[in-house]
Amino acid sequence: MIKNKANRRAKIKARIRSKVLGTADVPRLCVYRSNKAIYAQIIDDTKGATLFSVSSQGIAKGTKTEIAKEVGIAVAEKAKANGIEQVKFDRNGYLYHGRVKNLAEGAREGGLKF
């Protein structure tokens, strides 16, 4: 039985992670959303290593959803610079709505395919 929001998200996260696995060719784009910031990581699960990450810590202009879109564009640019064109999107238990959706749209605008 799910007692609170954190347990619900953990259950959804486990279900997603059982299906989404990043490889060297197609790494995983993982999103973490806090109340103040949003973070995106590109992860190779076969090595168990984070290739790189981008956060909204340095971006101070706009609303949270606008900042999330900028983070998506930044992660796409960094991925292109590292030779990554396709990723698997891991929403990390969050609903595909609001900031998570804007980050994904920004990554697609930047040229990532998923």
Protein backbone atom coordinates (compact mmCIF):
# COMPACT_ATOMS: atom_id res chain seq x y z
CA MET A 1 0.00 0.00 0.00
CA ILE A 2 1.32 3.43 -0.96
CA LYS A 3 1.30 5.71 2.08
CA ASN A 4 2.79 8.91 0.74
CA LYS A 5 4.06 10.69 -2.35
CA ALA A 6 7.67 9.57 -1.88
CA ASN A 7 6.71 5.88 -1.76
CA ARG A 8 4.52 6.30 -4.82
CA ARG A 9 7.36 7.92 -6.77
CA ALA A 10 9.81 5.21 -5.65
CA LYS A 11 7.47 2.52 -6.96
CA ILE A 12 7.06 4.29 -10.31
CA LYS A 13 10.82 4.90 -10.49
CA ALA A 14 11.58 1.20 -9.96
CA ARG A 15 9.11 0.24 -12.69
CA ILE A 16 10.71 2.70 -15.15
CA ARG A 17 14.27 1.67 -14.29
CA SER A 18 13.47 -2.00 -14.90
CA LYS A 19 12.70 -1.10 -18.52
CA VAL A 20 15.12 1.76 -19.30
CA LEU A 21 18.81 0.85 -19.50
CA GLY A 22 21.46 3.17 -20.92
CA THR A 23 24.34 1.76 -22.97
CA ALA A 24 27.46 3.30 -24.44
CA ASP A 25 25.70 3.78 -27.79
CA VAL A 26 22.37 4.97 -26.38
CA PRO A 27 22.85 6.37 -22.85
CA ARG A 28 20.10 7.27 -20.41
CA LEU A 29 18.97 10.88 -19.85
CA CYS A 30 17.93 11.00 -16.19
CA VAL A 31 16.01 13.96 -14.74
CA TYR A 32 15.91 15.05 -11.11
CA ARG A 33 13.57 17.81 -10.04
CA SER A 34 13.73 19.63 -6.72
CA ASN A 35 11.71 22.60 -5.53
CA LYS A 36 14.45 25.05 -6.48
CA ALA A 37 16.33 23.45 -9.37
CA ILE A 38 16.25 20.80 -12.07
CA TYR A 39 19.12 18.50 -13.01
CA ALA A 40 19.81 16.28 -16.03
CA GLN A 41 22.43 13.54 -16.27
CA ILE A 42 23.61 11.41 -19.17
CA ILE A 43 24.39 7.95 -17.75
CA ASP A 44 26.00 4.82 -19.18
CA ASP A 45 24.53 1.98 -17.10
CA THR A 46 26.85 -0.70 -18.47
CA LYS A 47 29.83 1.10 -16.90
CA GLY A 48 27.79 2.50 -14.04
CA ALA A 49 29.10 5.98 -14.75
CA THR A 50 27.65 9.43 -15.27
CA LEU A 51 29.11 10.83 -18.49
CA PHE A 52 28.13 14.42 -17.69
CA SER A 53 25.43 16.47 -16.04
CA VAL A 54 23.74 19.86 -16.39
CA SER A 55 21.78 21.80 -13.79
CA SER A 56 19.78 24.97 -13.53
CA GLN A 57 21.98 26.38 -10.76
CA GLY A 58 23.60 29.03 -12.96
CA ILE A 59 20.44 30.08 -14.80
CA ALA A 60 18.58 32.86 -12.99
CA LYS A 61 16.21 34.30 -15.57
CA GLY A 62 12.64 33.22 -16.25
CA THR A 63 10.18 30.89 -14.60
CA LYS A 64 10.98 27.35 -13.50
CA THR A 65 9.48 25.88 -16.68
CA GLU A 66 11.47 28.25 -18.92
CA ILE A 67 14.65 27.40 -17.03
CA ALA A 68 13.92 23.67 -17.45
CA LYS A 69 13.71 24.14 -21.22
CA GLU A 70 17.08 25.92 -21.19
CA VAL A 71 18.58 23.02 -19.22
CA GLY A 72 17.24 20.63 -21.87
CA ILE A 73 18.85 22.64 -24.64
CA ALA A 74 22.13 22.78 -22.68
CA VAL A 75 22.19 19.01 -22.11
CA ALA A 76 21.55 18.45 -25.84
CA GLU A 77 24.44 20.73 -26.78
CA LYS A 78 26.75 18.96 -24.35
CA ALA A 79 25.63 15.58 -25.69
CA LYS A 80 26.28 16.65 -29.28
CA ALA A 81 29.77 17.81 -28.26
CA ASN A 82 30.42 14.33 -26.81
CA GLY A 83 29.11 12.55 -29.92
CA ILE A 84 25.76 11.44 -28.47
CA GLU A 85 22.72 11.86 -30.69
CA GLN A 86 20.21 9.40 -29.23
CA VAL A 87 19.26 8.78 -25.59
CA LYS A 88 16.66 6.96 -23.54
CA PHE A 89 14.58 9.32 -21.41
CA ASP A 90 14.24 8.46 -17.72
CA ARG A 91 11.69 10.71 -16.04
CA ASN A 92 12.75 9.25 -12.67
CA GLY A 93 9.23 8.67 -11.33
CA TYR A 94 7.99 12.18 -12.08
CA LEU A 95 4.95 12.79 -14.24
CA TYR A 96 5.69 13.81 -17.83
CA HIS A 97 4.26 17.25 -17.20
CA GLY A 98 5.48 20.76 -16.47
CA ARG A 99 9.21 21.09 -15.90
CA VAL A 100 10.04 17.50 -16.86
CA LYS A 101 8.15 17.88 -20.15
CA ASN A 102 9.82 21.22 -20.89
CA LEU A 103 13.26 19.73 -20.27
CA ALA A 104 12.46 16.92 -22.71
CA GLU A 105 11.17 19.36 -25.31
CA GLY A 106 14.29 21.49 -24.92
CA ALA A 107 16.49 18.42 -25.41
CA ARG A 108 14.58 17.54 -28.56
CA GLU A 109 14.95 21.12 -29.83
CA GLY A 110 18.69 20.85 -29.19
CA GLY A 111 18.87 17.79 -31.44
CA LEU A 112 18.62 14.76 -29.15
CA LYS A 113 16.45 11.89 -30.30
CA PHE A 114 14.39 9.78 -27.89
